[in-house]
N, C-alpha and C. Protein backbone atom coordinates (compact mmCIF):
# COMPACT_ATOMS: atom_id res chain seq x y z
N UNK A 1 0.85 -1.18 0.00
CA UNK A 1 0.00 0.00 0.00
C UNK A 1 0.89 1.24 0.00
N UNK A 2 0.52 2.18 -0.82
CA UNK A 2 1.25 3.43 -0.89
C UNK A 2 1.16 4.19 0.42
N UNK A 3 2.20 4.94 0.69
CA UNK A 3 2.23 5.75 1.91
C UNK A 3 1.08 6.75 1.93
N UNK A 4 0.79 7.35 0.79
CA UNK A 4 -0.29 8.33 0.70
C UNK A 4 -1.65 7.68 1.02
N UNK A 5 -1.87 6.49 0.50
CA UNK A 5 -3.14 5.77 0.74
C UNK A 5 -3.23 5.36 2.21
N UNK A 6 -2.12 4.91 2.77
CA UNK A 6 -2.11 4.53 4.18
C UNK A 6 -2.46 5.74 5.05
N UNK A 7 -1.88 6.88 4.75
CA UNK A 7 -2.15 8.11 5.51
C UNK A 7 -3.63 8.49 5.39
N UNK A 8 -4.20 8.33 4.19
CA UNK A 8 -5.61 8.66 3.98
C UNK A 8 -6.50 7.75 4.82
N UNK A 9 -6.17 6.47 4.85
CA UNK A 9 -6.95 5.52 5.65
C UNK A 9 -6.81 5.81 7.14
N UNK A 10 -5.61 6.19 7.57
CA UNK A 10 -5.40 6.51 8.98
C UNK A 10 -6.21 7.74 9.36
N UNK A 11 -6.21 8.74 8.50
CA UNK A 11 -6.98 9.96 8.77
C UNK A 11 -8.46 9.65 8.84
N UNK A 12 -8.93 8.79 7.92
CA UNK A 12 -10.34 8.40 7.92
C UNK A 12 -10.69 7.67 9.22
N UNK A 13 -9.78 6.80 9.69
CA UNK A 13 -10.03 6.07 10.93
C UNK A 13 -10.13 7.04 12.12
N UNK A 14 -9.23 8.01 12.16
CA UNK A 14 -9.28 9.00 13.24
C UNK A 14 -10.59 9.78 13.21
N UNK A 15 -11.01 10.16 12.03
CA UNK A 15 -12.26 10.90 11.90
C UNK A 15 -13.45 10.05 12.36
N UNK A 16 -13.44 8.78 11.98
CA UNK A 16 -14.51 7.87 12.39
C UNK A 16 -14.55 7.75 13.91
N UNK A 17 -13.40 7.56 14.52
CA UNK A 17 -13.34 7.44 15.98
C UNK A 17 -13.82 8.72 16.65
N UNK A 18 -13.38 9.84 16.13
CA UNK A 18 -13.78 11.13 16.70
C UNK A 18 -15.30 11.31 16.60
N UNK A 19 -15.85 10.95 15.45
CA UNK A 19 -17.30 11.07 15.25
C UNK A 19 -18.09 10.14 16.15
N UNK A 20 -17.45 9.08 16.63
CA UNK A 20 -18.11 8.12 17.51
C UNK A 20 -17.85 8.44 18.99
N UNK A 21 -17.26 9.61 19.27
CA UNK A 21 -17.12 10.07 20.65
C UNK A 21 -15.77 9.87 21.29
N UNK A 22 -14.80 9.40 20.52
CA UNK A 22 -13.46 9.21 21.09
C UNK A 22 -12.72 10.55 21.11
N UNK A 23 -11.94 10.76 22.14
CA UNK A 23 -11.11 11.96 22.26
C UNK A 23 -9.75 11.63 21.65
N UNK A 24 -9.66 11.83 20.35
CA UNK A 24 -8.47 11.48 19.60
C UNK A 24 -7.26 12.28 20.09
N UNK A 25 -7.47 13.53 20.41
CA UNK A 25 -6.37 14.37 20.89
C UNK A 25 -5.74 13.80 22.15
N UNK A 26 -6.58 13.34 23.05
CA UNK A 26 -6.08 12.74 24.29
C UNK A 26 -5.32 11.45 24.00
N UNK A 27 -5.89 10.61 23.14
CA UNK A 27 -5.24 9.35 22.79
C UNK A 27 -3.88 9.58 22.16
N UNK A 28 -3.83 10.51 21.24
CA UNK A 28 -2.55 10.80 20.58
C UNK A 28 -1.57 11.47 21.55
N UNK A 29 -2.08 12.24 22.48
CA UNK A 29 -1.21 12.85 23.49
C UNK A 29 -0.47 11.76 24.27
N UNK A 30 -1.22 10.75 24.73
CA UNK A 30 -0.60 9.67 25.50
C UNK A 30 0.36 8.85 24.66
N UNK A 31 0.19 8.92 23.34
CA UNK A 31 1.08 8.19 22.43
C UNK A 31 2.15 9.11 21.85
N UNK A 32 2.31 10.28 22.44
CA UNK A 32 3.30 11.26 22.00
C UNK A 32 3.15 11.60 20.52
N UNK A 33 1.89 11.64 20.07
CA UNK A 33 1.60 11.99 18.69
C UNK A 33 1.85 10.88 17.68
N UNK A 34 2.22 9.71 18.15
CA UNK A 34 2.55 8.59 17.27
C UNK A 34 1.27 7.84 16.89
N UNK A 35 0.77 8.09 15.68
CA UNK A 35 -0.48 7.47 15.24
C UNK A 35 -0.37 5.96 15.16
N UNK A 36 0.77 5.46 14.70
CA UNK A 36 0.95 4.00 14.61
C UNK A 36 0.81 3.36 15.99
N UNK A 37 1.40 3.95 17.00
CA UNK A 37 1.29 3.44 18.36
C UNK A 37 -0.16 3.50 18.84
N UNK A 38 -0.84 4.59 18.52
CA UNK A 38 -2.24 4.73 18.90
C UNK A 38 -3.08 3.60 18.29
N UNK A 39 -2.86 3.32 17.02
CA UNK A 39 -3.59 2.23 16.37
C UNK A 39 -3.25 0.87 16.98
N UNK A 40 -1.99 0.70 17.36
CA UNK A 40 -1.60 -0.55 18.02
C UNK A 40 -2.36 -0.72 19.34
N UNK A 41 -2.49 0.37 20.09
CA UNK A 41 -3.24 0.31 21.35
C UNK A 41 -4.72 0.01 21.10
N UNK A 42 -5.28 0.64 20.10
CA UNK A 42 -6.68 0.37 19.77
C UNK A 42 -6.87 -1.09 19.37
N UNK A 43 -5.96 -1.60 18.56
CA UNK A 43 -6.05 -3.00 18.15
C UNK A 43 -5.88 -3.93 19.35
N UNK A 44 -5.03 -3.56 20.29
CA UNK A 44 -4.83 -4.37 21.50
C UNK A 44 -6.11 -4.41 22.33
N UNK A 45 -6.85 -3.30 22.38
CA UNK A 45 -8.11 -3.28 23.11
C UNK A 45 -9.06 -4.31 22.51
N UNK A 46 -9.11 -4.37 21.19
CA UNK A 46 -9.98 -5.35 20.52
C UNK A 46 -9.50 -6.77 20.85
N UNK A 47 -8.22 -7.01 20.65
CA UNK A 47 -7.65 -8.35 20.82
C UNK A 47 -7.79 -8.87 22.25
N UNK A 48 -7.66 -7.99 23.21
CA UNK A 48 -7.67 -8.41 24.61
C UNK A 48 -9.07 -8.38 25.23
N UNK A 49 -10.05 -7.91 24.49
CA UNK A 49 -11.38 -7.73 25.07
C UNK A 49 -12.02 -9.05 25.51
N UNK A 50 -11.84 -10.10 24.76
CA UNK A 50 -12.46 -11.38 25.12
C UNK A 50 -11.88 -11.88 26.45
N UNK A 51 -10.57 -11.84 26.57
CA UNK A 51 -9.93 -12.30 27.82
C UNK A 51 -10.30 -11.38 28.98
N UNK A 52 -10.33 -10.08 28.74
CA UNK A 52 -10.67 -9.12 29.79
C UNK A 52 -12.09 -9.36 30.29
N UNK A 53 -13.01 -9.61 29.37
CA UNK A 53 -14.40 -9.87 29.77
C UNK A 53 -14.50 -11.17 30.57
N UNK A 54 -13.72 -12.17 30.18
CA UNK A 54 -13.70 -13.42 30.95
C UNK A 54 -13.23 -13.18 32.38
N UNK A 55 -12.19 -12.39 32.54
CA UNK A 55 -11.66 -12.10 33.87
C UNK A 55 -12.66 -11.31 34.72
N UNK A 56 -13.32 -10.35 34.10
CA UNK A 56 -14.32 -9.57 34.82
C UNK A 56 -15.49 -10.47 35.23
N UNK A 57 -15.98 -11.26 34.29
CA UNK A 57 -17.11 -12.15 34.60
C UNK A 57 -16.74 -13.19 35.65
N UNK A 58 -15.53 -13.70 35.60
CA UNK A 58 -15.07 -14.67 36.60
C UNK A 58 -15.07 -14.04 37.99
N UNK A 59 -14.58 -12.82 38.08
CA UNK A 59 -14.56 -12.14 39.38
C UNK A 59 -15.98 -11.95 39.91
N UNK A 60 -16.90 -11.60 39.03
CA UNK A 60 -18.30 -11.43 39.44
C UNK A 60 -18.87 -12.76 39.91
N UNK A 61 -18.67 -13.81 39.12
CA UNK A 61 -19.20 -15.14 39.47
C UNK A 61 -18.67 -15.62 40.81
N UNK A 62 -17.42 -15.31 41.10
CA UNK A 62 -16.80 -15.75 42.35
C UNK A 62 -17.07 -14.78 43.51
N UNK A 63 -17.73 -13.66 43.21
CA UNK A 63 -17.98 -12.67 44.25
C UNK A 63 -16.70 -11.99 44.71
N UNK A 64 -15.72 -11.94 43.85
CA UNK A 64 -14.40 -11.41 44.16
C UNK A 64 -14.34 -9.92 43.82
N UNK A 65 -14.70 -9.08 44.78
CA UNK A 65 -14.73 -7.65 44.48
C UNK A 65 -13.34 -7.10 44.24
N UNK A 66 -12.31 -7.65 44.88
CA UNK A 66 -10.94 -7.17 44.65
C UNK A 66 -10.50 -7.47 43.22
N UNK A 67 -10.78 -8.68 42.77
CA UNK A 67 -10.45 -9.04 41.39
C UNK A 67 -11.22 -8.19 40.39
N UNK A 68 -12.49 -7.96 40.68
CA UNK A 68 -13.32 -7.12 39.82
C UNK A 68 -12.75 -5.70 39.79
N UNK A 69 -12.42 -5.19 40.96
CA UNK A 69 -11.86 -3.84 41.04
C UNK A 69 -10.58 -3.74 40.22
N UNK A 70 -9.68 -4.70 40.35
CA UNK A 70 -8.42 -4.65 39.62
C UNK A 70 -8.63 -4.66 38.11
N UNK A 71 -9.54 -5.50 37.65
CA UNK A 71 -9.82 -5.57 36.21
C UNK A 71 -10.49 -4.30 35.70
N UNK A 72 -11.45 -3.79 36.44
CA UNK A 72 -12.14 -2.56 36.02
C UNK A 72 -11.19 -1.37 36.10
N UNK A 73 -10.34 -1.35 37.11
CA UNK A 73 -9.36 -0.27 37.24
C UNK A 73 -8.38 -0.28 36.07
N UNK A 74 -7.92 -1.46 35.68
CA UNK A 74 -7.02 -1.57 34.53
C UNK A 74 -7.73 -1.09 33.26
N UNK A 75 -8.99 -1.48 33.11
CA UNK A 75 -9.76 -1.04 31.95
C UNK A 75 -9.95 0.47 31.97
N UNK A 76 -10.16 1.02 33.14
CA UNK A 76 -10.29 2.47 33.29
C UNK A 76 -9.03 3.17 32.77
N UNK A 77 -7.87 2.63 33.12
CA UNK A 77 -6.61 3.23 32.68
C UNK A 77 -6.46 3.15 31.16
N UNK A 78 -6.83 2.03 30.59
CA UNK A 78 -6.74 1.86 29.14
C UNK A 78 -7.67 2.84 28.44
N UNK A 79 -8.87 2.99 28.95
CA UNK A 79 -9.82 3.90 28.31
C UNK A 79 -9.34 5.34 28.37
N UNK A 80 -8.62 5.69 29.42
CA UNK A 80 -8.04 7.03 29.51
C UNK A 80 -6.98 7.21 28.43
N UNK A 81 -6.14 6.21 28.26
CA UNK A 81 -5.04 6.29 27.31
C UNK A 81 -5.53 6.38 25.86
N UNK A 82 -6.60 5.69 25.54
CA UNK A 82 -7.08 5.70 24.15
C UNK A 82 -8.08 6.83 23.88
N UNK A 83 -8.47 7.56 24.91
CA UNK A 83 -9.38 8.69 24.70
C UNK A 83 -10.85 8.33 24.70
N UNK A 84 -11.20 7.23 25.34
CA UNK A 84 -12.62 6.85 25.48
C UNK A 84 -13.15 7.51 26.74
N UNK A 85 -13.26 8.82 26.70
CA UNK A 85 -13.54 9.63 27.88
C UNK A 85 -14.86 9.30 28.56
N UNK A 86 -15.93 9.12 27.80
CA UNK A 86 -17.24 8.85 28.41
C UNK A 86 -17.20 7.56 29.23
N UNK A 87 -16.67 6.51 28.63
CA UNK A 87 -16.59 5.23 29.33
C UNK A 87 -15.59 5.33 30.49
N UNK A 88 -14.52 6.07 30.28
CA UNK A 88 -13.54 6.25 31.35
C UNK A 88 -14.17 6.94 32.56
N UNK A 89 -15.00 7.94 32.34
CA UNK A 89 -15.66 8.63 33.46
C UNK A 89 -16.56 7.68 34.24
N UNK A 90 -17.26 6.82 33.53
CA UNK A 90 -18.13 5.84 34.18
C UNK A 90 -17.28 4.88 35.02
N UNK A 91 -16.19 4.40 34.44
CA UNK A 91 -15.32 3.46 35.16
C UNK A 91 -14.63 4.13 36.34
N UNK A 92 -14.27 5.39 36.20
CA UNK A 92 -13.65 6.13 37.31
C UNK A 92 -14.60 6.20 38.49
N UNK A 93 -15.85 6.55 38.21
CA UNK A 93 -16.87 6.60 39.28
C UNK A 93 -17.10 5.22 39.88
N UNK A 94 -17.18 4.21 39.03
CA UNK A 94 -17.40 2.84 39.52
C UNK A 94 -16.26 2.39 40.42
N UNK A 95 -15.03 2.67 40.02
CA UNK A 95 -13.87 2.28 40.84
C UNK A 95 -13.91 2.95 42.21
N UNK A 96 -14.32 4.21 42.23
CA UNK A 96 -14.42 4.92 43.52
C UNK A 96 -15.46 4.26 44.42
N UNK A 97 -16.59 3.90 43.86
CA UNK A 97 -17.67 3.27 44.63
C UNK A 97 -17.22 1.90 45.14
N UNK A 98 -16.60 1.12 44.27
CA UNK A 98 -16.14 -0.22 44.67
C UNK A 98 -15.11 -0.12 45.79
N UNK A 99 -14.19 0.82 45.65
CA UNK A 99 -13.13 0.98 46.64
C UNK A 99 -13.71 1.34 48.01
N UNK A 100 -14.70 2.19 48.01
CA UNK A 100 -15.31 2.61 49.27
C UNK A 100 -16.20 1.52 49.86
N UNK A 101 -17.03 0.91 49.01
CA UNK A 101 -18.01 -0.06 49.51
C UNK A 101 -17.41 -1.44 49.78
N UNK A 102 -16.28 -1.72 49.12
CA UNK A 102 -15.66 -3.05 49.22
C UNK A 102 -16.62 -4.16 48.79
N UNK A 103 -17.48 -3.83 47.83
CA UNK A 103 -18.47 -4.78 47.30
C UNK A 103 -18.55 -4.66 45.79
N UNK A 104 -19.04 -5.72 45.20
CA UNK A 104 -19.34 -5.68 43.77
C UNK A 104 -20.55 -4.78 43.54
N UNK A 105 -20.61 -4.14 42.38
CA UNK A 105 -21.83 -3.38 42.08
C UNK A 105 -22.99 -4.34 41.85
N UNK A 106 -24.19 -3.79 41.81
CA UNK A 106 -25.36 -4.64 41.58
C UNK A 106 -25.29 -5.26 40.18
N UNK A 107 -26.00 -6.36 39.97
CA UNK A 107 -25.93 -7.06 38.68
C UNK A 107 -26.29 -6.18 37.47
N UNK A 108 -27.21 -5.25 37.64
CA UNK A 108 -27.58 -4.37 36.54
C UNK A 108 -26.41 -3.48 36.13
N UNK A 109 -25.67 -2.99 37.13
CA UNK A 109 -24.51 -2.14 36.86
C UNK A 109 -23.41 -2.95 36.17
N UNK A 110 -23.19 -4.17 36.63
CA UNK A 110 -22.20 -5.04 36.01
C UNK A 110 -22.57 -5.26 34.54
N UNK A 111 -23.83 -5.56 34.28
CA UNK A 111 -24.30 -5.79 32.92
C UNK A 111 -24.15 -4.53 32.07
N UNK A 112 -24.47 -3.38 32.64
CA UNK A 112 -24.36 -2.11 31.93
C UNK A 112 -22.91 -1.83 31.54
N UNK A 113 -21.99 -2.10 32.46
CA UNK A 113 -20.56 -1.89 32.18
C UNK A 113 -20.11 -2.79 31.04
N UNK A 114 -20.53 -4.04 31.05
CA UNK A 114 -20.13 -4.97 30.00
C UNK A 114 -20.72 -4.55 28.65
N UNK A 115 -21.94 -4.05 28.66
CA UNK A 115 -22.56 -3.56 27.42
C UNK A 115 -21.79 -2.37 26.88
N UNK A 116 -21.41 -1.46 27.75
CA UNK A 116 -20.65 -0.29 27.31
C UNK A 116 -19.26 -0.71 26.80
N UNK A 117 -18.67 -1.70 27.44
CA UNK A 117 -17.37 -2.21 26.98
C UNK A 117 -17.51 -2.82 25.59
N UNK A 118 -18.54 -3.62 25.39
CA UNK A 118 -18.79 -4.20 24.07
C UNK A 118 -18.98 -3.10 23.02
N UNK A 119 -19.68 -2.04 23.38
CA UNK A 119 -19.91 -0.93 22.45
C UNK A 119 -18.60 -0.24 22.08
N UNK A 120 -17.73 -0.05 23.06
CA UNK A 120 -16.43 0.56 22.80
C UNK A 120 -15.62 -0.30 21.84
N UNK A 121 -15.57 -1.59 22.10
CA UNK A 121 -14.81 -2.50 21.24
C UNK A 121 -15.39 -2.47 19.82
N UNK A 122 -16.70 -2.41 19.70
CA UNK A 122 -17.34 -2.37 18.40
C UNK A 122 -16.98 -1.07 17.65
N UNK A 123 -16.99 0.05 18.36
CA UNK A 123 -16.61 1.33 17.75
C UNK A 123 -15.19 1.26 17.21
N UNK A 124 -14.30 0.72 18.01
CA UNK A 124 -12.90 0.62 17.57
C UNK A 124 -12.78 -0.30 16.38
N UNK A 125 -13.44 -1.45 16.45
CA UNK A 125 -13.35 -2.43 15.36
C UNK A 125 -13.94 -1.88 14.06
N UNK A 126 -15.04 -1.18 14.17
CA UNK A 126 -15.69 -0.64 12.97
C UNK A 126 -14.91 0.52 12.35
N UNK A 127 -13.98 1.09 13.10
CA UNK A 127 -13.20 2.19 12.56
C UNK A 127 -12.09 1.71 11.64
N UNK A 128 -11.81 0.43 11.66
CA UNK A 128 -10.70 -0.11 10.85
C UNK A 128 -11.03 -0.13 9.39
């Protein structure tokens, strides 16, 4: 693929992500302006999502609030780095509640978080 065509596709992907609510400026800031690195991180979010969801669901099934907290906290950090600000704000609030309550959130909240996570992964995947 020509360099010019690759650049056009990268620009289109950034525009798509921005139009879907991603804070591209923030994501690129954390990647020191390196678009290739940013795309690698986005692709890693997709690739790791199945395993991450398994770990989150396992913690819920076992009633392991510490495990759930660690997984959600890690996801919160990733969402900050890639510029998924809306989901990051939700996870930030959730982490604060979990830390204080030392309990898992209610099942509806757990389901809502997983739905939002699936939506984020879909947005990233569809931008390719």
